[in-house]
């Protein structure tokens, strides 16, 4: 268990089975399990990556895949069986995301200076239709996070696609839950597509 969190939205567990300790700056596969305590929401398993930078860490979520079971009927046996069946595929998706992050280390961004990074990132956001997620202030903040000590550094210290996704997820930690999750998924989409 990486972390456990209880809120008004229910219980959230972050788990890994990589079998090694979590090290600062090294992404590991993660599954996040959530359940609505009042039984009016849903149970979910979300594959992703976890990078330790603080107690919250950074997260990259895999595309749009979320395994979800709505609480339509009080049928915990059905949910438990489907949850058990979803863990393997979710774990594989987390592995694919980690591979995409590693490949992203080799994709060097076509900018070298802070002055160039902001217009380039603004154009990328526009092309990817992510404008509703990354406004002007968030773009500036993401650029500032490119040089954070916990973001990935490929050879020769240049920024990479993995650096960019790390910077987005690091900045996402300052947002409310829903916005944070959307930014983390957007970072995952950058890596995968």
Protein backbone atom coordinates (compact mmCIF):
# COMPACT_ATOMS: atom_id res chain seq x y z
CA UNK A 1 0.00 0.00 0.00
CA UNK A 2 1.53 3.30 -1.11
CA UNK A 3 -1.14 5.39 0.54
CA UNK A 4 -4.63 5.21 1.99
CA UNK A 5 -6.96 8.18 2.07
CA UNK A 6 -10.49 8.53 3.41
CA UNK A 7 -12.60 11.55 2.46
CA UNK A 8 -16.23 12.51 2.02
CA UNK A 9 -15.97 10.84 -1.40
CA UNK A 10 -15.05 7.46 0.09
CA UNK A 11 -11.94 5.35 0.50
CA UNK A 12 -8.95 5.55 -1.85
CA UNK A 13 -6.04 3.06 -1.77
CA UNK A 14 -2.93 3.29 -3.91
CA UNK A 15 -1.20 -0.05 -4.34
CA UNK A 16 1.85 -1.47 -6.04
CA UNK A 17 3.05 -5.03 -6.50
CA UNK A 18 6.39 -4.22 -8.15
CA UNK A 19 8.13 -5.82 -5.16
CA UNK A 20 10.65 -3.07 -4.52
CA UNK A 21 10.73 0.04 -2.34
CA UNK A 22 9.44 3.31 -3.73
CA UNK A 23 12.38 5.62 -4.57
CA UNK A 24 12.18 9.36 -5.12
CA UNK A 25 11.87 10.21 -8.82
CA UNK A 26 11.47 6.62 -10.05
CA UNK A 27 8.01 5.83 -11.50
CA UNK A 28 6.44 2.55 -10.43
CA UNK A 29 3.27 0.83 -11.57
CA UNK A 30 0.29 1.65 -9.42
CA UNK A 31 -3.35 0.72 -9.11
CA UNK A 32 -5.68 3.11 -7.36
CA UNK A 33 -8.77 1.51 -5.84
CA UNK A 34 -11.68 3.72 -4.83
CA UNK A 35 -15.04 2.93 -3.32
CA UNK A 36 -17.94 5.13 -2.36
CA UNK A 37 -18.64 4.54 1.32
CA UNK A 38 -22.28 5.57 1.11
CA UNK A 39 -22.99 3.09 -1.68
CA UNK A 40 -24.30 5.75 -4.05
CA UNK A 41 -21.26 6.03 -6.27
CA UNK A 42 -19.10 3.29 -7.66
CA UNK A 43 -16.12 1.08 -7.00
CA UNK A 44 -13.17 1.75 -9.34
CA UNK A 45 -9.71 0.48 -10.22
CA UNK A 46 -7.51 2.92 -12.13
CA UNK A 47 -4.11 1.88 -13.57
CA UNK A 48 -1.27 4.37 -13.55
CA UNK A 49 2.22 5.33 -12.46
CA UNK A 50 3.27 6.75 -9.11
CA UNK A 51 6.39 8.83 -8.61
CA UNK A 52 7.37 9.77 -5.09
CA UNK A 53 8.05 13.50 -4.74
CA UNK A 54 6.20 14.08 -1.48
CA UNK A 55 3.43 12.31 0.42
CA UNK A 56 1.07 12.92 -2.53
CA UNK A 57 3.51 11.93 -5.24
CA UNK A 58 2.94 12.44 -8.97
CA UNK A 59 0.61 10.31 -11.02
CA UNK A 60 0.24 9.48 -14.69
CA UNK A 61 -3.07 7.81 -15.48
CA UNK A 62 -3.50 5.41 -18.36
CA UNK A 63 -5.58 6.86 -21.20
CA UNK A 64 -9.29 6.77 -20.35
CA UNK A 65 -9.35 3.25 -18.95
CA UNK A 66 -11.04 3.06 -15.60
CA UNK A 67 -12.58 -0.16 -14.37
CA UNK A 68 -15.82 0.91 -12.69
CA UNK A 69 -18.75 -0.83 -11.04
CA UNK A 70 -21.72 1.31 -10.16
CA UNK A 71 -23.66 0.48 -7.05
CA UNK A 72 -26.93 -0.24 -8.80
CA UNK A 73 -27.84 -3.06 -6.47
CA UNK A 74 -26.40 -4.16 -3.21
CA UNK A 75 -24.44 -7.02 -4.78
CA UNK A 76 -20.97 -7.04 -3.16
CA UNK A 77 -20.24 -10.55 -4.43
CA UNK A 78 -20.65 -9.46 -8.08
CA UNK A 79 -18.45 -6.40 -7.54
CA UNK A 80 -15.78 -8.46 -5.74
CA UNK A 81 -15.67 -11.02 -8.58
CA UNK A 82 -15.46 -8.37 -11.31
CA UNK A 83 -12.85 -6.45 -9.34
CA UNK A 84 -10.70 -9.57 -9.03
CA UNK A 85 -10.97 -10.10 -12.81
CA UNK A 86 -9.99 -6.47 -13.53
CA UNK A 87 -6.77 -6.38 -11.51
CA UNK A 88 -4.69 -8.29 -14.09
CA UNK A 89 -5.70 -6.13 -17.09
CA UNK A 90 -5.32 -2.95 -15.03
CA UNK A 91 -1.83 -4.02 -13.93
CA UNK A 92 -0.90 -4.64 -17.59
CA UNK A 93 -2.15 -1.17 -18.54
CA UNK A 94 0.02 0.31 -15.79
CA UNK A 95 3.00 -1.61 -17.24
CA UNK A 96 2.24 -0.23 -20.72
CA UNK A 97 2.14 3.27 -19.30
CA UNK A 98 5.50 2.78 -17.57
CA UNK A 99 6.96 1.55 -20.90
CA UNK A 100 5.52 4.61 -22.65
CA UNK A 101 7.12 6.86 -20.01
CA UNK A 102 10.48 5.18 -20.57
CA UNK A 103 10.14 5.62 -24.35
CA UNK A 104 9.25 9.26 -23.64
CA UNK A 105 12.72 9.77 -22.18
CA UNK A 106 14.12 9.44 -25.71
CA UNK A 107 11.69 11.97 -27.24
CA UNK A 108 13.52 15.27 -26.80
CA UNK A 109 11.31 18.37 -26.79
CA UNK A 110 12.09 20.84 -29.60
CA UNK A 111 12.83 23.67 -27.14
CA UNK A 112 15.83 24.49 -25.01
CA UNK A 113 15.00 27.71 -23.19
CA UNK A 114 12.15 28.82 -20.94
CA UNK A 115 11.23 31.61 -23.41
CA UNK A 116 10.67 29.02 -26.15
CA UNK A 117 8.91 26.47 -23.96
CA UNK A 118 5.79 28.48 -23.16
CA UNK A 119 4.71 29.26 -26.76
CA UNK A 120 5.59 25.71 -27.85
CA UNK A 121 3.55 24.18 -25.02
CA UNK A 122 0.65 26.56 -25.66
CA UNK A 123 0.58 25.41 -29.31
CA UNK A 124 0.79 21.75 -28.28
CA UNK A 125 -2.14 22.25 -25.88
CA UNK A 126 -4.16 23.86 -28.69
CA UNK A 127 -3.36 21.07 -31.19
CA UNK A 128 -4.25 18.36 -28.69
CA UNK A 129 -7.48 20.18 -27.75
CA UNK A 130 -6.42 20.26 -24.10
CA UNK A 131 -7.14 23.99 -23.70
CA UNK A 132 -9.97 23.33 -21.25
CA UNK A 133 -7.38 21.67 -18.99
CA UNK A 134 -4.31 23.86 -19.41
CA UNK A 135 -5.02 27.58 -19.38
CA UNK A 136 -2.34 30.28 -19.70
CA UNK A 137 -1.41 30.26 -15.99
CA UNK A 138 -1.20 26.45 -15.89
CA UNK A 139 1.03 26.46 -18.99
CA UNK A 140 3.35 28.92 -17.27
CA UNK A 141 3.36 26.74 -14.15
CA UNK A 142 4.07 23.56 -16.14
CA UNK A 143 7.01 25.28 -17.86
CA UNK A 144 8.33 26.30 -14.44
CA UNK A 145 8.04 22.66 -13.30
CA UNK A 146 10.12 21.35 -16.25
CA UNK A 147 13.26 22.00 -14.22
CA UNK A 148 11.94 20.57 -10.96
CA UNK A 149 14.44 18.08 -9.45
CA UNK A 150 11.91 15.24 -9.63
CA UNK A 151 11.08 15.54 -13.34
CA UNK A 152 12.78 13.12 -15.72
CA UNK A 153 16.08 14.06 -17.32
CA UNK A 154 17.31 12.24 -20.40
CA UNK A 155 20.92 12.39 -21.55
CA UNK A 156 22.56 15.79 -21.82
CA UNK A 157 19.92 17.31 -19.53
CA UNK A 158 17.48 18.18 -22.33
CA UNK A 159 13.75 18.15 -21.68
CA UNK A 160 11.91 15.09 -22.95
CA UNK A 161 8.31 13.98 -23.37
CA UNK A 162 8.68 12.20 -20.02
CA UNK A 163 9.88 15.49 -18.48
CA UNK A 164 6.78 17.25 -19.80
CA UNK A 165 4.37 14.63 -18.47
CA UNK A 166 6.11 14.73 -15.09
CA UNK A 167 5.82 18.53 -15.02
CA UNK A 168 2.09 18.36 -15.83
CA UNK A 169 1.39 15.79 -13.12
CA UNK A 170 3.52 17.67 -10.62
CA UNK A 171 1.54 20.86 -11.31
CA UNK A 172 -1.71 18.88 -11.13
CA UNK A 173 -1.12 18.27 -7.42
CA UNK A 174 -2.16 21.88 -6.78
CA UNK A 175 -5.65 21.33 -8.23
CA UNK A 176 -8.86 20.02 -6.71
CA UNK A 177 -9.54 16.29 -7.09
CA UNK A 178 -11.48 16.33 -10.38
CA UNK A 179 -9.18 18.81 -12.15
CA UNK A 180 -6.11 16.99 -10.84
CA UNK A 181 -7.37 13.67 -12.20
CA UNK A 182 -8.11 15.23 -15.62
CA UNK A 183 -4.62 16.72 -15.85
CA UNK A 184 -3.02 13.42 -14.83
CA UNK A 185 -5.00 11.58 -17.52
CA UNK A 186 -3.99 14.21 -20.08
CA UNK A 187 -0.35 13.54 -19.20
CA UNK A 188 -0.96 9.83 -19.75
CA UNK A 189 -2.49 10.56 -23.16
CA UNK A 190 0.59 12.58 -24.13
CA UNK A 191 2.78 9.59 -23.37
CA UNK A 192 0.61 7.08 -25.17
CA UNK A 193 -0.29 8.92 -28.28
